[in-house]
């Protein structure tokens, strides 16, 4: 029983401590739906900026034919991203949570694409 109480204290204490270290980030303390929607949008914008940086790095490594292939693939991926995240978020159509779901989907899919492009860079540097 004492070990369970101690474990609970560690978990709760760690949770409280973790929250205290993030006070400078307004998104860590977002409480209203509007704040959460805004934070999801910011997360996507950050992910998109990183993706664009990695994309440019990869393009710089490619010959003209590969650049054309990547551009075509990226255009198709952008269409997929937008259609997929619209589909995911539209189950909440008319709800105040929809923008958050949409933003988080965009951020998640964008981070995954960034990882794919990073792997392409890594493979080409070997």
N, C-alpha and C. Protein backbone atom coordinates (compact mmCIF):
# COMPACT_ATOMS: atom_id res chain seq x y z
N UNK A 1 0.82 -1.20 0.00
CA UNK A 1 0.00 0.00 0.00
C UNK A 1 0.87 1.26 0.00
N UNK A 2 1.93 1.23 0.81
CA UNK A 2 2.81 2.39 0.85
C UNK A 2 3.47 2.63 -0.50
N UNK A 3 3.86 1.54 -1.17
CA UNK A 3 4.51 1.71 -2.47
C UNK A 3 3.54 2.27 -3.50
N UNK A 4 2.27 1.90 -3.42
CA UNK A 4 1.26 2.44 -4.34
C UNK A 4 1.07 3.93 -4.07
N UNK A 5 1.03 4.31 -2.80
CA UNK A 5 0.86 5.72 -2.45
C UNK A 5 2.09 6.52 -2.89
N UNK A 6 3.27 5.94 -2.72
CA UNK A 6 4.49 6.61 -3.14
C UNK A 6 4.51 6.79 -4.66
N UNK A 7 4.10 5.74 -5.38
CA UNK A 7 4.06 5.82 -6.84
C UNK A 7 3.08 6.90 -7.29
N UNK A 8 1.92 6.96 -6.65
CA UNK A 8 0.94 7.98 -6.97
C UNK A 8 1.51 9.37 -6.71
N UNK A 9 2.21 9.53 -5.60
CA UNK A 9 2.83 10.81 -5.28
C UNK A 9 3.87 11.20 -6.34
N UNK A 10 4.66 10.23 -6.80
CA UNK A 10 5.64 10.52 -7.84
C UNK A 10 4.96 10.94 -9.15
N UNK A 11 3.89 10.24 -9.49
CA UNK A 11 3.20 10.56 -10.74
C UNK A 11 2.58 11.95 -10.66
N UNK A 12 1.84 12.21 -9.59
CA UNK A 12 1.19 13.51 -9.43
C UNK A 12 2.23 14.61 -9.29
N UNK A 13 3.26 14.35 -8.52
CA UNK A 13 4.32 15.34 -8.34
C UNK A 13 5.03 15.63 -9.65
N UNK A 14 5.31 14.59 -10.43
CA UNK A 14 5.94 14.77 -11.73
C UNK A 14 5.06 15.53 -12.68
N UNK A 15 3.76 15.26 -12.63
CA UNK A 15 2.81 15.95 -13.50
C UNK A 15 2.78 17.43 -13.14
N UNK A 16 2.70 17.73 -11.87
CA UNK A 16 2.68 19.12 -11.43
C UNK A 16 3.99 19.81 -11.78
N UNK A 17 5.11 19.12 -11.56
CA UNK A 17 6.41 19.69 -11.87
C UNK A 17 6.52 19.95 -13.37
N UNK A 18 6.07 19.01 -14.19
CA UNK A 18 6.12 19.17 -15.64
C UNK A 18 5.31 20.36 -16.10
N UNK A 19 4.17 20.59 -15.46
CA UNK A 19 3.35 21.74 -15.83
C UNK A 19 4.05 23.04 -15.47
N UNK A 20 4.73 23.04 -14.35
CA UNK A 20 5.40 24.25 -13.90
C UNK A 20 6.53 24.67 -14.81
N UNK A 21 7.15 23.72 -15.50
CA UNK A 21 8.26 24.06 -16.38
C UNK A 21 7.80 24.60 -17.72
N UNK A 22 6.51 24.52 -18.02
CA UNK A 22 6.01 24.95 -19.32
C UNK A 22 5.20 26.23 -19.25
N UNK A 23 5.27 26.96 -18.18
CA UNK A 23 4.44 28.15 -18.02
C UNK A 23 4.74 29.22 -19.06
N UNK A 24 5.95 29.23 -19.60
CA UNK A 24 6.28 30.23 -20.60
C UNK A 24 5.59 29.96 -21.94
N UNK A 25 5.11 28.75 -22.14
CA UNK A 25 4.41 28.39 -23.37
C UNK A 25 2.91 28.53 -23.13
N UNK A 26 2.28 29.53 -23.74
CA UNK A 26 0.84 29.72 -23.52
C UNK A 26 0.01 28.52 -23.96
N UNK A 27 0.50 27.75 -24.90
CA UNK A 27 -0.26 26.59 -25.36
C UNK A 27 -0.26 25.47 -24.33
N UNK A 28 0.72 25.45 -23.45
CA UNK A 28 0.74 24.43 -22.40
C UNK A 28 -0.40 24.65 -21.41
N UNK A 29 -0.89 25.86 -21.34
CA UNK A 29 -1.97 26.18 -20.39
C UNK A 29 -3.26 26.59 -21.10
N UNK A 30 -3.39 26.26 -22.37
CA UNK A 30 -4.61 26.61 -23.11
C UNK A 30 -5.81 25.94 -22.44
N UNK A 31 -6.84 26.73 -22.18
CA UNK A 31 -8.01 26.20 -21.49
C UNK A 31 -9.29 26.35 -22.30
N UNK A 32 -9.40 27.37 -23.10
CA UNK A 32 -10.62 27.55 -23.89
C UNK A 32 -10.44 26.89 -25.25
N UNK A 33 -11.56 26.60 -25.88
CA UNK A 33 -11.48 25.98 -27.20
C UNK A 33 -10.80 26.91 -28.19
N UNK A 34 -11.05 28.20 -28.07
CA UNK A 34 -10.40 29.16 -28.97
C UNK A 34 -8.89 29.12 -28.80
N UNK A 35 -8.42 29.03 -27.56
CA UNK A 35 -6.97 28.95 -27.31
C UNK A 35 -6.40 27.66 -27.88
N UNK A 36 -7.11 26.55 -27.69
CA UNK A 36 -6.64 25.27 -28.20
C UNK A 36 -6.63 25.26 -29.73
N UNK A 37 -7.64 25.88 -30.34
CA UNK A 37 -7.67 25.98 -31.80
C UNK A 37 -6.46 26.78 -32.30
N UNK A 38 -6.18 27.90 -31.63
CA UNK A 38 -5.05 28.74 -31.99
C UNK A 38 -3.74 27.98 -31.85
N UNK A 39 -3.61 27.23 -30.78
CA UNK A 39 -2.38 26.47 -30.55
C UNK A 39 -2.19 25.38 -31.59
N UNK A 40 -3.27 24.72 -31.99
CA UNK A 40 -3.18 23.70 -33.03
C UNK A 40 -2.72 24.34 -34.34
N UNK A 41 -3.24 25.51 -34.63
CA UNK A 41 -2.80 26.23 -35.83
C UNK A 41 -1.33 26.60 -35.77
N UNK A 42 -0.87 27.02 -34.61
CA UNK A 42 0.54 27.37 -34.44
C UNK A 42 1.43 26.13 -34.58
N UNK A 43 0.95 25.00 -34.04
CA UNK A 43 1.73 23.77 -34.17
C UNK A 43 1.88 23.38 -35.64
N UNK A 44 0.80 23.53 -36.40
CA UNK A 44 0.88 23.23 -37.83
C UNK A 44 1.83 24.19 -38.53
N UNK A 45 1.74 25.48 -38.24
CA UNK A 45 2.62 26.46 -38.90
C UNK A 45 4.09 26.15 -38.63
N UNK A 46 4.39 25.75 -37.41
CA UNK A 46 5.76 25.39 -37.06
C UNK A 46 6.20 24.15 -37.84
N UNK A 47 5.33 23.14 -37.87
CA UNK A 47 5.65 21.92 -38.61
C UNK A 47 5.84 22.21 -40.09
N UNK A 48 5.02 23.09 -40.64
CA UNK A 48 5.12 23.44 -42.05
C UNK A 48 6.42 24.18 -42.36
N UNK A 49 6.84 25.04 -41.46
CA UNK A 49 8.10 25.76 -41.66
C UNK A 49 9.28 24.79 -41.68
N UNK A 50 9.26 23.80 -40.79
CA UNK A 50 10.33 22.80 -40.76
C UNK A 50 10.29 21.98 -42.05
N UNK A 51 9.09 21.57 -42.47
CA UNK A 51 8.96 20.81 -43.71
C UNK A 51 9.56 21.59 -44.89
N UNK A 52 9.24 22.85 -44.99
CA UNK A 52 9.75 23.66 -46.10
C UNK A 52 11.27 23.76 -46.08
N UNK A 53 11.83 23.85 -44.90
CA UNK A 53 13.29 23.91 -44.77
C UNK A 53 13.92 22.58 -45.24
N UNK A 54 13.37 21.47 -44.80
CA UNK A 54 13.90 20.16 -45.17
C UNK A 54 13.70 19.91 -46.67
N UNK A 55 12.55 20.33 -47.18
CA UNK A 55 12.27 20.19 -48.62
C UNK A 55 13.34 20.92 -49.43
N UNK A 56 13.65 22.15 -49.04
CA UNK A 56 14.67 22.93 -49.75
C UNK A 56 16.04 22.25 -49.69
N UNK A 57 16.36 21.67 -48.53
CA UNK A 57 17.63 20.95 -48.40
C UNK A 57 17.69 19.77 -49.37
N UNK A 58 16.58 19.04 -49.46
CA UNK A 58 16.55 17.89 -50.36
C UNK A 58 16.64 18.33 -51.82
N UNK A 59 15.89 19.36 -52.18
CA UNK A 59 15.91 19.86 -53.56
C UNK A 59 17.34 20.23 -53.97
N UNK A 60 18.10 20.81 -53.06
CA UNK A 60 19.47 21.22 -53.37
C UNK A 60 20.37 20.03 -53.70
N UNK A 61 19.97 18.84 -53.32
CA UNK A 61 20.78 17.64 -53.55
C UNK A 61 20.43 16.92 -54.86
N UNK A 62 19.36 17.34 -55.51
CA UNK A 62 18.80 16.58 -56.62
C UNK A 62 19.21 17.12 -57.98
N UNK A 63 19.23 16.22 -58.97
CA UNK A 63 19.39 16.67 -60.35
C UNK A 63 18.02 17.12 -60.87
N UNK A 64 17.99 17.63 -62.08
CA UNK A 64 16.75 18.21 -62.62
C UNK A 64 15.61 17.19 -62.70
N UNK A 65 15.91 15.98 -63.12
CA UNK A 65 14.86 14.95 -63.22
C UNK A 65 14.29 14.61 -61.84
N UNK A 66 15.17 14.46 -60.87
CA UNK A 66 14.72 14.15 -59.52
C UNK A 66 13.93 15.31 -58.92
N UNK A 67 14.35 16.53 -59.21
CA UNK A 67 13.60 17.70 -58.73
C UNK A 67 12.17 17.69 -59.27
N UNK A 68 12.02 17.36 -60.54
CA UNK A 68 10.69 17.29 -61.15
C UNK A 68 9.85 16.19 -60.50
N UNK A 69 10.49 15.05 -60.22
CA UNK A 69 9.78 13.95 -59.56
C UNK A 69 9.33 14.35 -58.16
N UNK A 70 10.24 14.98 -57.43
CA UNK A 70 9.90 15.40 -56.07
C UNK A 70 8.78 16.43 -56.09
N UNK A 71 8.87 17.38 -57.01
CA UNK A 71 7.83 18.41 -57.09
C UNK A 71 6.46 17.77 -57.36
N UNK A 72 6.42 16.81 -58.26
CA UNK A 72 5.16 16.12 -58.56
C UNK A 72 4.66 15.34 -57.35
N UNK A 73 5.57 14.66 -56.67
CA UNK A 73 5.20 13.90 -55.48
C UNK A 73 4.71 14.83 -54.37
N UNK A 74 5.39 15.95 -54.21
CA UNK A 74 5.00 16.90 -53.16
C UNK A 74 3.64 17.51 -53.45
N UNK A 75 3.37 17.80 -54.71
CA UNK A 75 2.06 18.34 -55.09
C UNK A 75 0.96 17.33 -54.77
N UNK A 76 1.21 16.07 -55.09
CA UNK A 76 0.23 15.01 -54.78
C UNK A 76 0.07 14.86 -53.28
N UNK A 77 1.18 14.94 -52.54
CA UNK A 77 1.11 14.82 -51.09
C UNK A 77 0.31 15.97 -50.48
N UNK A 78 0.52 17.18 -50.98
CA UNK A 78 -0.23 18.34 -50.47
C UNK A 78 -1.74 18.15 -50.67
N UNK A 79 -2.10 17.63 -51.83
CA UNK A 79 -3.52 17.36 -52.08
C UNK A 79 -4.04 16.31 -51.11
N UNK A 80 -3.28 15.23 -50.92
CA UNK A 80 -3.66 14.19 -49.96
C UNK A 80 -3.81 14.78 -48.56
N UNK A 81 -2.81 15.55 -48.14
CA UNK A 81 -2.84 16.14 -46.79
C UNK A 81 -4.11 16.94 -46.57
N UNK A 82 -4.41 17.82 -47.51
CA UNK A 82 -5.57 18.68 -47.36
C UNK A 82 -6.88 17.90 -47.37
N UNK A 83 -7.03 16.98 -48.32
CA UNK A 83 -8.26 16.19 -48.40
C UNK A 83 -8.43 15.29 -47.18
N UNK A 84 -7.33 14.67 -46.75
CA UNK A 84 -7.40 13.77 -45.60
C UNK A 84 -7.76 14.52 -44.33
N UNK A 85 -7.12 15.64 -44.10
CA UNK A 85 -7.40 16.39 -42.87
C UNK A 85 -8.78 17.03 -42.90
N UNK A 86 -9.25 17.42 -44.06
CA UNK A 86 -10.64 17.88 -44.16
C UNK A 86 -11.59 16.76 -43.78
N UNK A 87 -11.32 15.56 -44.29
CA UNK A 87 -12.16 14.40 -43.97
C UNK A 87 -12.15 14.11 -42.47
N UNK A 88 -10.97 14.10 -41.88
CA UNK A 88 -10.84 13.82 -40.44
C UNK A 88 -11.59 14.86 -39.62
N UNK A 89 -11.41 16.12 -39.96
CA UNK A 89 -12.00 17.21 -39.16
C UNK A 89 -13.50 17.37 -39.41
N UNK A 90 -13.96 16.99 -40.59
CA UNK A 90 -15.36 17.23 -40.92
C UNK A 90 -16.34 16.38 -40.13
N UNK A 91 -15.85 15.39 -39.42
CA UNK A 91 -16.76 14.68 -38.52
C UNK A 91 -17.21 15.59 -37.37
N UNK A 92 -16.51 16.70 -37.21
CA UNK A 92 -16.87 17.70 -36.19
C UNK A 92 -17.40 18.98 -36.84
N UNK A 93 -17.85 18.87 -38.08
CA UNK A 93 -18.34 20.02 -38.84
C UNK A 93 -19.40 20.77 -38.03
N UNK A 94 -19.23 22.07 -37.95
CA UNK A 94 -20.16 22.89 -37.19
C UNK A 94 -19.79 23.02 -35.73
N UNK A 95 -18.83 22.22 -35.28
CA UNK A 95 -18.41 22.27 -33.88
C UNK A 95 -17.20 23.17 -33.69
N UNK A 96 -17.07 23.69 -32.49
CA UNK A 96 -15.94 24.58 -32.22
C UNK A 96 -14.61 23.84 -32.15
N UNK A 97 -14.66 22.52 -32.04
CA UNK A 97 -13.43 21.73 -31.97
C UNK A 97 -12.84 21.44 -33.35
N UNK A 98 -13.63 21.64 -34.41
CA UNK A 98 -13.16 21.30 -35.76
C UNK A 98 -11.83 21.96 -36.12
N UNK A 99 -11.64 23.26 -35.87
CA UNK A 99 -10.35 23.87 -36.23
C UNK A 99 -9.17 23.22 -35.51
N UNK A 100 -9.36 22.82 -34.26
CA UNK A 100 -8.28 22.17 -33.53
C UNK A 100 -7.96 20.81 -34.15
N UNK A 101 -8.99 20.02 -34.43
CA UNK A 101 -8.79 18.70 -35.03
C UNK A 101 -8.10 18.86 -36.39
N UNK A 102 -8.53 19.83 -37.16
CA UNK A 102 -7.94 20.07 -38.48
C UNK A 102 -6.47 20.48 -38.34
N UNK A 103 -6.19 21.41 -37.45
CA UNK A 103 -4.81 21.87 -37.25
C UNK A 103 -3.90 20.77 -36.75
N UNK A 104 -4.39 19.95 -35.82
CA UNK A 104 -3.57 18.85 -35.30
C UNK A 104 -3.32 17.80 -36.37
N UNK A 105 -4.32 17.54 -37.20
CA UNK A 105 -4.14 16.60 -38.31
C UNK A 105 -3.08 17.13 -39.27
N UNK A 106 -3.21 18.39 -39.66
CA UNK A 106 -2.23 18.99 -40.57
C UNK A 106 -0.82 18.90 -39.98
N UNK A 107 -0.70 19.20 -38.69
CA UNK A 107 0.61 19.15 -38.04
C UNK A 107 1.17 17.73 -38.04
N UNK A 108 0.34 16.76 -37.71
CA UNK A 108 0.78 15.36 -37.63
C UNK A 108 1.22 14.84 -39.00
N UNK A 109 0.39 15.05 -40.00
CA UNK A 109 0.71 14.58 -41.35
C UNK A 109 1.96 15.29 -41.87
N UNK A 110 2.09 16.56 -41.57
CA UNK A 110 3.26 17.34 -42.01
C UNK A 110 4.53 16.84 -41.34
N UNK A 111 4.46 16.53 -40.06
CA UNK A 111 5.64 15.99 -39.35
C UNK A 111 6.04 14.65 -39.95
N UNK A 112 5.06 13.83 -40.31
CA UNK A 112 5.37 12.54 -40.94
C UNK A 112 6.05 12.74 -42.29
N UNK A 113 5.57 13.69 -43.07
CA UNK A 113 6.19 13.96 -44.37
C UNK A 113 7.61 14.50 -44.19
N UNK A 114 7.80 15.32 -43.19
CA UNK A 114 9.14 15.84 -42.90
C UNK A 114 10.09 14.70 -42.59
N UNK A 115 9.63 13.73 -41.81
CA UNK A 115 10.46 12.56 -41.50
C UNK A 115 10.82 11.78 -42.77
N UNK A 116 9.86 11.65 -43.67
CA UNK A 116 10.13 10.96 -44.94
C UNK A 116 11.21 11.69 -45.74
N UNK A 117 11.10 13.01 -45.82
CA UNK A 117 12.08 13.78 -46.58
C UNK A 117 13.45 13.76 -45.89
N UNK A 118 13.46 13.78 -44.57
CA UNK A 118 14.74 13.67 -43.84
C UNK A 118 15.41 12.34 -44.15
N UNK A 119 14.61 11.28 -44.23
CA UNK A 119 15.17 9.97 -44.57
C UNK A 119 15.76 9.98 -45.97
N UNK A 120 15.14 10.69 -46.90
CA UNK A 120 15.69 10.80 -48.25
C UNK A 120 17.05 11.51 -48.21
N UNK A 121 17.14 12.56 -47.42
CA UNK A 121 18.41 13.27 -47.27
C UNK A 121 19.47 12.35 -46.67
N UNK A 122 19.08 11.65 -45.62
CA UNK A 122 20.01 10.73 -44.95
C UNK A 122 20.49 9.65 -45.91
N UNK A 123 19.56 9.06 -46.67
CA UNK A 123 19.93 8.01 -47.62
C UNK A 123 20.89 8.52 -48.69
N UNK A 124 20.72 9.76 -49.10
CA UNK A 124 21.56 10.32 -50.16
C UNK A 124 22.93 10.74 -49.62
N UNK A 125 23.05 10.89 -48.31
CA UNK A 125 24.33 11.27 -47.71
C UNK A 125 25.19 10.06 -47.34
N UNK A 126 24.68 8.88 -47.56
CA UNK A 126 25.45 7.68 -47.19
C UNK A 126 26.36 7.24 -48.30
